[in-house]
Amino acid sequence: MRWIAFFLLLLNLGLFTWYMATPPSESGTGIAGEDRAGQGRRLVMISEASPGALPAAEAASASISSVTAQEQHCTLIGPFPQIYRGQDIVQRLKALQIQGDLREIEMQGQMRYWVFLPPLHSRREAFNKLRELQAQGIDSYVIPKGTLADGISFGIFSERARAELLTEELTSKGIGAKFREEPQIYLERWIVLMPGAAERLAAEFWQQLGEEYPELGRRHNLCSEVTG
């Protein structure tokens, strides 16, 4: 039995030596070939790639994202003192497959100058101060709301020089008056067109609109200011 075991041991050693000396068969070259073909290429993240290396669709998407990140401008048509005129033009635009929204928009008018005493600690203290000022013959009133609520107003002026003069007079009497610029705000009706919509309208449309409504104007505003 010993020689049989010895013979099997020699046979296994011989098979092992032959297997190690034989190159891999052709059936295993498919996957290995693909691995070798992949060598030398580095996986590039999109954030690392230059714009020229991006595929066309991805480059277009990146371009759109950068544009939307910037402030866009809307086209405004107006103003419309009569609401029905604005509604009429909105319907015309709709027939041309252009979306127009008639909105009331805050407009900034002439600068005004407000002379005031800064807010006091409470409404009661404000009215006590008001009585004291009126006893001195100083025209004033308590500011009911806003950033200066519970302060005292001495008037709003269209001329800066008048506001400065009153502030100096009150200061000379020991009253800590101040003045600040206050833009006059009022509402107007305008039709708002989103970016690109105005460019889709033919020149004939604008010409006809100008002939029918010569008082109307066209302007551009930041969309964030007129569509909120």
C-alpha atoms as a PDB file:
ATOM      1  CA  MET A   1       0.000   0.000   0.000  1.00  0.00           C
ATOM      2  CA  ARG A   2       2.920   2.315   0.620  1.00  0.00           C
ATOM      3  CA  TRP A   3       4.004   2.261  -2.981  1.00  0.00           C
ATOM      4  CA  ILE A   4       0.441   3.101  -4.138  1.00  0.00           C
ATOM      5  CA  ALA A   5       0.344   6.151  -1.852  1.00  0.00           C
ATOM      6  CA  PHE A   6       3.819   7.155  -3.018  1.00  0.00           C
ATOM      7  CA  PHE A   7       2.727   6.770  -6.673  1.00  0.00           C
ATOM      8  CA  LEU A   8      -0.342   8.994  -6.129  1.00  0.00           C
ATOM      9  CA  LEU A   9       1.804  11.625  -4.461  1.00  0.00           C
ATOM     10  CA  LEU A  10       4.172  11.717  -7.453  1.00  0.00           C
ATOM     11  CA  LEU A  11       1.212  11.882  -9.833  1.00  0.00           C
ATOM     12  CA  ASN A  12      -0.302  14.904  -7.996  1.00  0.00           C
ATOM     13  CA  LEU A  13       3.055  16.680  -7.978  1.00  0.00           C
ATOM     14  CA  GLY A  14       3.389  16.123 -11.707  1.00  0.00           C
ATOM     15  CA  LEU A  15      -0.110  17.445 -12.464  1.00  0.00           C
ATOM     16  CA  PHE A  16       0.505  20.506 -10.318  1.00  0.00           C
ATOM     17  CA  THR A  17       3.795  21.246 -12.097  1.00  0.00           C
ATOM     18  CA  TRP A  18       2.142  20.889 -15.518  1.00  0.00           C
ATOM     19  CA  TYR A  19      -0.779  23.172 -14.570  1.00  0.00           C
ATOM     20  CA  MET A  20       1.533  25.931 -13.334  1.00  0.00           C
ATOM     21  CA  ALA A  21       3.647  25.783 -16.482  1.00  0.00           C
ATOM     22  CA  THR A  22       0.661  25.979 -18.901  1.00  0.00           C
ATOM     23  CA  PRO A  23      -0.552  29.574 -20.000  1.00  0.00           C
ATOM     24  CA  PRO A  24      -4.257  30.448 -19.490  1.00  0.00           C
ATOM     25  CA  SER A  25      -6.623  29.098 -22.134  1.00  0.00           C
ATOM     26  CA  GLU A  26      -8.208  31.348 -24.787  1.00  0.00           C
ATOM     27  CA  SER A  27     -11.624  31.046 -23.122  1.00  0.00           C
ATOM     28  CA  GLY A  28     -10.442  33.346 -20.314  1.00  0.00           C
ATOM     29  CA  THR A  29      -9.205  36.206 -22.468  1.00  0.00           C
ATOM     30  CA  GLY A  30     -12.545  37.944 -22.963  1.00  0.00           C
ATOM     31  CA  ILE A  31     -12.949  39.533 -19.531  1.00  0.00           C
ATOM     32  CA  ALA A  32      -9.207  40.009 -19.118  1.00  0.00           C
ATOM     33  CA  GLY A  33      -9.089  41.866 -22.412  1.00  0.00           C
ATOM     34  CA  GLU A  34     -11.850  44.208 -21.285  1.00  0.00           C
ATOM     35  CA  ASP A  35      -9.985  44.891 -18.044  1.00  0.00           C
ATOM     36  CA  ARG A  36      -6.824  45.764 -19.938  1.00  0.00           C
ATOM     37  CA  ALA A  37      -8.743  48.027 -22.250  1.00  0.00           C
ATOM     38  CA  GLY A  38     -10.053  49.897 -19.235  1.00  0.00           C
ATOM     39  CA  GLN A  39      -6.598  50.456 -17.807  1.00  0.00           C
ATOM     40  CA  GLY A  40      -5.175  53.971 -18.330  1.00  0.00           C
ATOM     41  CA  ARG A  41      -8.628  55.682 -18.136  1.00  0.00           C
ATOM     42  CA  ARG A  42      -9.348  57.692 -14.981  1.00  0.00           C
ATOM     43  CA  LEU A  43     -12.929  58.007 -13.768  1.00  0.00           C
ATOM     44  CA  VAL A  44     -13.658  61.740 -14.116  1.00  0.00           C
ATOM     45  CA  MET A  45     -16.415  63.317 -12.028  1.00  0.00           C
ATOM     46  CA  ILE A  46     -18.553  65.854 -13.830  1.00  0.00           C
ATOM     47  CA  SER A  47     -17.551  68.539 -11.324  1.00  0.00           C
ATOM     48  CA  GLU A  48     -13.926  67.942 -12.302  1.00  0.00           C
ATOM     49  CA  ALA A  49     -14.459  67.956 -16.066  1.00  0.00           C
ATOM     50  CA  SER A  50     -13.879  71.058 -18.145  1.00  0.00           C
ATOM     51  CA  PRO A  51     -16.897  72.431 -20.055  1.00  0.00           C
ATOM     52  CA  GLY A  52     -15.453  71.084 -23.292  1.00  0.00           C
ATOM     53  CA  ALA A  53     -15.279  67.567 -21.876  1.00  0.00           C
ATOM     54  CA  LEU A  54     -18.955  67.455 -20.927  1.00  0.00           C
ATOM     55  CA  PRO A  55     -21.359  65.656 -23.248  1.00  0.00           C
ATOM     56  CA  ALA A  56     -23.570  67.979 -25.271  1.00  0.00           C
ATOM     57  CA  ALA A  57     -26.695  67.443 -23.151  1.00  0.00           C
ATOM     58  CA  GLU A  58     -24.817  67.939 -19.894  1.00  0.00           C
ATOM     59  CA  ALA A  59     -23.090  71.074 -21.199  1.00  0.00           C
ATOM     60  CA  ALA A  60     -26.457  72.539 -22.181  1.00  0.00           C
ATOM     61  CA  SER A  61     -27.872  71.731 -18.758  1.00  0.00           C
ATOM     62  CA  ALA A  62     -24.911  73.388 -17.050  1.00  0.00           C
ATOM     63  CA  SER A  63     -25.381  76.489 -19.215  1.00  0.00           C
ATOM     64  CA  ILE A  64     -29.066  76.764 -18.311  1.00  0.00           C
ATOM     65  CA  SER A  65     -28.285  76.378 -14.617  1.00  0.00           C
ATOM     66  CA  SER A  66     -25.771  79.226 -14.732  1.00  0.00           C
ATOM     67  CA  VAL A  67     -28.280  81.501 -16.483  1.00  0.00           C
ATOM     68  CA  THR A  68     -31.099  80.804 -14.033  1.00  0.00           C
ATOM     69  CA  ALA A  69     -28.709  81.449 -11.159  1.00  0.00           C
ATOM     70  CA  GLN A  70     -28.361  85.027 -12.405  1.00  0.00           C
ATOM     71  CA  GLU A  71     -31.033  87.693 -12.030  1.00  0.00           C
ATOM     72  CA  GLN A  72     -33.399  87.712 -15.010  1.00  0.00           C
ATOM     73  CA  HIS A  73     -35.315  90.682 -16.382  1.00  0.00           C
ATOM     74  CA  CYS A  74     -39.028  90.740 -17.209  1.00  0.00           C
ATOM     75  CA  THR A  75     -40.665  93.061 -19.729  1.00  0.00           C
ATOM     76  CA  LEU A  76     -43.387  95.390 -18.447  1.00  0.00           C
ATOM     77  CA  ILE A  77     -46.110  97.041 -20.547  1.00  0.00           C
ATOM     78  CA  GLY A  78     -48.122  99.858 -19.025  1.00  0.00           C
ATOM     79  CA  PRO A  79     -49.228 101.533 -16.898  1.00  0.00           C
ATOM     80  CA  PHE A  80     -52.992 100.958 -17.084  1.00  0.00           C
ATOM     81  CA  PRO A  81     -55.152 103.415 -15.093  1.00  0.00           C
ATOM     82  CA  GLN A  82     -58.190 101.549 -16.440  1.00  0.00           C
ATOM     83  CA  ILE A  83     -58.036  97.857 -15.665  1.00  0.00           C
ATOM     84  CA  TYR A  84     -60.144  96.825 -18.685  1.00  0.00           C
ATOM     85  CA  ARG A  85     -57.470  98.079 -21.090  1.00  0.00           C
ATOM     86  CA  GLY A  86     -54.866  95.889 -19.478  1.00  0.00           C
ATOM     87  CA  GLN A  87     -57.202  92.901 -19.572  1.00  0.00           C
ATOM     88  CA  ASP A  88     -57.841  93.513 -23.293  1.00  0.00           C
ATOM     89  CA  ILE A  89     -54.132  93.345 -24.108  1.00  0.00           C
ATOM     90  CA  VAL A  90     -53.696  90.252 -21.926  1.00  0.00           C
ATOM     91  CA  GLN A  91     -56.332  88.541 -24.072  1.00  0.00           C
ATOM     92  CA  ARG A  92     -54.532  89.592 -27.269  1.00  0.00           C
ATOM     93  CA  LEU A  93     -51.323  88.137 -25.960  1.00  0.00           C
ATOM     94  CA  LYS A  94     -53.107  84.923 -25.008  1.00  0.00           C
ATOM     95  CA  ALA A  95     -54.380  84.594 -28.612  1.00  0.00           C
ATOM     96  CA  LEU A  96     -50.728  84.777 -29.698  1.00  0.00           C
ATOM     97  CA  GLN A  97     -49.839  82.084 -27.120  1.00  0.00           C
ATOM     98  CA  ILE A  98     -47.947  84.592 -24.995  1.00  0.00           C
ATOM     99  CA  GLN A  99     -48.540  84.573 -21.229  1.00  0.00           C
ATOM    100  CA  GLY A 100     -49.012  88.052 -19.787  1.00  0.00           C
ATOM    101  CA  ASP A 101     -49.999  88.819 -16.191  1.00  0.00           C
ATOM    102  CA  LEU A 102     -51.699  92.071 -15.228  1.00  0.00           C
ATOM    103  CA  ARG A 103     -50.274  93.016 -11.833  1.00  0.00           C
ATOM    104  CA  GLU A 104     -50.267  95.904  -9.403  1.00  0.00           C
ATOM    105  CA  ILE A 105     -46.621  96.825  -8.917  1.00  0.00           C
ATOM    106  CA  GLU A 106     -45.065  99.109  -6.333  1.00  0.00           C
ATOM    107  CA  MET A 107     -43.386 102.056  -8.040  1.00  0.00           C
ATOM    108  CA  GLN A 108     -40.926 104.484  -6.484  1.00  0.00           C
ATOM    109  CA  GLY A 109     -41.814 108.130  -6.902  1.00  0.00           C
ATOM    110  CA  GLN A 110     -40.292 111.369  -5.721  1.00  0.00           C
ATOM    111  CA  MET A 111     -37.948 111.243  -2.752  1.00  0.00           C
ATOM    112  CA  ARG A 112     -39.359 112.674   0.474  1.00  0.00           C
ATOM    113  CA  TYR A 113     -37.680 113.644   3.743  1.00  0.00           C
ATOM    114  CA  TRP A 114     -39.180 112.603   7.074  1.00  0.00           C
ATOM    115  CA  VAL A 115     -38.329 114.490  10.279  1.00  0.00           C
ATOM    116  CA  PHE A 116     -38.947 112.370  13.369  1.00  0.00           C
ATOM    117  CA  LEU A 117     -38.051 111.497  16.921  1.00  0.00           C
ATOM    118  CA  PRO A 118     -36.827 107.868  17.185  1.00  0.00           C
ATOM    119  CA  PRO A 119     -39.200 105.283  18.750  1.00  0.00           C
ATOM    120  CA  LEU A 120     -39.698 105.494  22.500  1.00  0.00           C
ATOM    121  CA  HIS A 121     -39.958 102.499  24.819  1.00  0.00           C
ATOM    122  CA  SER A 122     -43.762 102.220  24.771  1.00  0.00           C
ATOM    123  CA  ARG A 123     -46.896 103.717  23.248  1.00  0.00           C
ATOM    124  CA  ARG A 124     -47.737 105.385  26.559  1.00  0.00           C
ATOM    125  CA  GLU A 125     -44.324 107.067  26.698  1.00  0.00           C
ATOM    126  CA  ALA A 126     -44.807 108.205  23.110  1.00  0.00           C
ATOM    127  CA  PHE A 127     -48.124 109.904  23.917  1.00  0.00           C
ATOM    128  CA  ASN A 128     -46.634 111.521  27.016  1.00  0.00           C
ATOM    129  CA  LYS A 129     -43.875 112.947  24.817  1.00  0.00           C
ATOM    130  CA  LEU A 130     -46.463 114.058  22.268  1.00  0.00           C
ATOM    131  CA  ARG A 131     -48.371 116.062  24.883  1.00  0.00           C
ATOM    132  CA  GLU A 132     -45.125 117.671  25.999  1.00  0.00           C
ATOM    133  CA  LEU A 133     -44.259 118.702  22.434  1.00  0.00           C
ATOM    134  CA  GLN A 134     -47.723 120.013  21.656  1.00  0.00           C
ATOM    135  CA  ALA A 135     -47.624 122.073  24.855  1.00  0.00           C
ATOM    136  CA  GLN A 136     -44.604 123.820  23.310  1.00  0.00           C
ATOM    137  CA  GLY A 137     -46.602 124.502  20.159  1.00  0.00           C
ATOM    138  CA  ILE A 138     -44.712 121.915  18.102  1.00  0.00           C
ATOM    139  CA  ASP A 139     -46.875 120.242  15.458  1.00  0.00           C
ATOM    140  CA  SER A 140     -46.352 116.475  15.750  1.00  0.00           C
ATOM    141  CA  TYR A 141     -48.062 113.091  16.010  1.00  0.00           C
ATOM    142  CA  VAL A 142     -47.304 109.555  17.222  1.00  0.00           C
ATOM    143  CA  ILE A 143     -46.214 107.161  14.469  1.00  0.00           C
ATOM    144  CA  PRO A 144     -48.626 104.188  14.734  1.00  0.00           C
ATOM    145  CA  LYS A 145     -46.778 101.465  12.807  1.00  0.00           C
ATOM    146  CA  GLY A 146     -43.706 100.579  10.770  1.00  0.00           C
ATOM    147  CA  THR A 147     -40.042 100.692  11.665  1.00  0.00           C
ATOM    148  CA  LEU A 148     -40.579 104.006  13.472  1.00  0.00           C
ATOM    149  CA  ALA A 149     -43.662 102.892  15.435  1.00  0.00           C
ATOM    150  CA  ASP A 150     -43.994 104.721  18.805  1.00  0.00           C
ATOM    151  CA  GLY A 151     -41.767 107.466  17.499  1.00  0.00           C
ATOM    152  CA  ILE A 152     -42.876 111.091  16.911  1.00  0.00           C
ATOM    153  CA  SER A 153     -43.298 112.552  13.427  1.00  0.00           C
ATOM    154  CA  PHE A 154     -42.730 116.260  12.768  1.00  0.00           C
ATOM    155  CA  GLY A 155     -43.636 116.130   9.097  1.00  0.00           C
ATOM    156  CA  ILE A 156     -42.623 114.804   5.688  1.00  0.00           C
ATOM    157  CA  PHE A 157     -41.163 117.251   3.151  1.00  0.00           C
ATOM    158  CA  SER A 158     -40.467 117.141  -0.563  1.00  0.00           C
ATOM    159  CA  GLU A 159     -37.450 119.432  -0.159  1.00  0.00           C
ATOM    160  CA  ARG A 160     -34.369 118.301   1.717  1.00  0.00           C
ATOM    161  CA  ALA A 161     -33.486 121.833   2.776  1.00  0.00           C
ATOM    162  CA  ARG A 162     -36.786 122.265   4.669  1.00  0.00           C
ATOM    163  CA  ALA A 163     -36.271 118.961   6.491  1.00  0.00           C
ATOM    164  CA  GLU A 164     -32.738 119.941   7.472  1.00  0.00           C
ATOM    165  CA  LEU A 165     -33.895 123.344   8.702  1.00  0.00           C
ATOM    166  CA  LEU A 166     -36.657 121.869  10.901  1.00  0.00           C
ATOM    167  CA  THR A 167     -34.261 119.276  12.303  1.00  0.00           C
ATOM    168  CA  GLU A 168     -31.834 122.029  13.291  1.00  0.00           C
ATOM    169  CA  GLU A 169     -34.610 124.078  14.926  1.00  0.00           C
ATOM    170  CA  LEU A 170     -35.817 121.112  16.986  1.00  0.00           C
ATOM    171  CA  THR A 171     -32.270 120.195  17.987  1.00  0.00           C
ATOM    172  CA  SER A 172     -31.690 123.748  19.221  1.00  0.00           C
ATOM    173  CA  LYS A 173     -34.683 123.241  21.550  1.00  0.00           C
ATOM    174  CA  GLY A 174     -33.180 120.106  23.039  1.00  0.00           C
ATOM    175  CA  ILE A 175     -35.271 117.678  20.983  1.00  0.00           C
ATOM    176  CA  GLY A 176     -33.263 114.844  19.467  1.00  0.00           C
ATOM    177  CA  ALA A 177     -34.941 114.979  16.052  1.00  0.00           C
ATOM    178  CA  LYS A 178     -33.550 113.262  12.987  1.00  0.00           C
ATOM    179  CA  PHE A 179     -34.522 113.076   9.333  1.00  0.00           C
ATOM    180  CA  ARG A 180     -34.209 110.398   6.681  1.00  0.00           C
ATOM    181  CA  GLU A 181     -35.029 109.874   3.026  1.00  0.00           C
ATOM    182  CA  GLU A 182     -38.340 108.149   2.309  1.00  0.00           C
ATOM    183  CA  PRO A 183     -39.135 107.269  -1.324  1.00  0.00           C
ATOM    184  CA  GLN A 184     -42.775 107.815  -2.211  1.00  0.00           C
ATOM    185  CA  ILE A 185     -44.348 104.437  -3.047  1.00  0.00           C
ATOM    186  CA  TYR A 186     -47.486 104.019  -5.124  1.00  0.00           C
ATOM    187  CA  LEU A 187     -49.181 101.219  -7.096  1.00  0.00           C
ATOM    188  CA  GLU A 188     -49.525 100.977 -10.875  1.00  0.00           C
ATOM    189  CA  ARG A 189     -50.989  98.263 -13.112  1.00  0.00           C
ATOM    190  CA  TRP A 190     -48.536  96.739 -15.572  1.00  0.00           C
ATOM    191  CA  ILE A 191     -48.562  93.642 -17.768  1.00  0.00           C
ATOM    192  CA  VAL A 192     -45.599  91.427 -16.890  1.00  0.00           C
ATOM    193  CA  LEU A 193     -43.982  89.262 -19.574  1.00  0.00           C
ATOM    194  CA  MET A 194     -41.499  86.611 -18.494  1.00  0.00           C
ATOM    195  CA  PRO A 195     -37.971  86.557 -20.013  1.00  0.00           C
ATOM    196  CA  GLY A 196     -37.992  85.775 -23.736  1.00  0.00           C
ATOM    197  CA  ALA A 197     -41.725  86.379 -24.224  1.00  0.00           C
ATOM    198  CA  ALA A 198     -41.377  89.918 -25.623  1.00  0.00           C
ATOM    199  CA  GLU A 199     -38.849  88.731 -28.221  1.00  0.00           C
ATOM    200  CA  ARG A 200     -41.436  86.290 -29.600  1.00  0.00           C
ATOM    201  CA  LEU A 201     -43.807  89.126 -30.501  1.00  0.00           C
ATOM    202  CA  ALA A 202     -43.626  90.482 -34.056  1.00  0.00           C
ATOM    203  CA  ALA A 203     -42.787  94.110 -34.766  1.00  0.00           C
ATOM    204  CA  GLU A 204     -46.311  94.561 -36.130  1.00  0.00           C
ATOM    205  CA  PHE A 205     -47.757  93.810 -32.690  1.00  0.00           C
ATOM    206  CA  TRP A 206     -45.737  96.563 -31.029  1.00  0.00           C
ATOM    207  CA  GLN A 207     -46.534  99.010 -33.832  1.00  0.00           C
ATOM    208  CA  GLN A 208     -50.276  98.401 -33.566  1.00  0.00           C
ATOM    209  CA  LEU A 209     -50.151  98.613 -29.777  1.00  0.00           C
ATOM    210  CA  GLY A 210     -48.366 101.958 -29.981  1.00  0.00           C
ATOM    211  CA  GLU A 211     -50.938 103.311 -32.397  1.00  0.00           C
ATOM    212  CA  GLU A 212     -53.890 102.273 -30.228  1.00  0.00           C
ATOM    213  CA  TYR A 213     -52.326 103.140 -26.858  1.00  0.00           C
ATOM    214  CA  PRO A 214     -49.675 105.836 -27.435  1.00  0.00           C
ATOM    215  CA  GLU A 215     -49.537 106.564 -23.691  1.00  0.00           C
ATOM    216  CA  LEU A 216     -48.242 103.084 -22.846  1.00  0.00           C
ATOM    217  CA  GLY A 217     -44.603 102.427 -22.145  1.00  0.00           C
ATOM    218  CA  ARG A 218     -42.335  99.404 -22.088  1.00  0.00           C
ATOM    219  CA  ARG A 219     -39.646  98.835 -19.485  1.00  0.00           C
ATOM    220  CA  HIS A 220     -37.549  96.084 -17.922  1.00  0.00           C
ATOM    221  CA  ASN A 221     -37.423  95.150 -14.257  1.00  0.00           C
ATOM    222  CA  LEU A 222     -35.864  92.339 -12.281  1.00  0.00           C
ATOM    223  CA  CYS A 223     -38.358  89.463 -12.299  1.00  0.00           C
ATOM    224  CA  SER A 224     -37.825  88.939  -8.589  1.00  0.00           C
ATOM    225  CA  GLU A 225     -39.186  92.469  -7.968  1.00  0.00           C
ATOM    226  CA  VAL A 226     -42.355  92.174 -10.058  1.00  0.00           C
ATOM    227  CA  THR A 227     -43.436  88.540  -9.777  1.00  0.00           C
ATOM    228  CA  GLY A 228     -43.273  88.030  -6.022  1.00  0.00           C
END
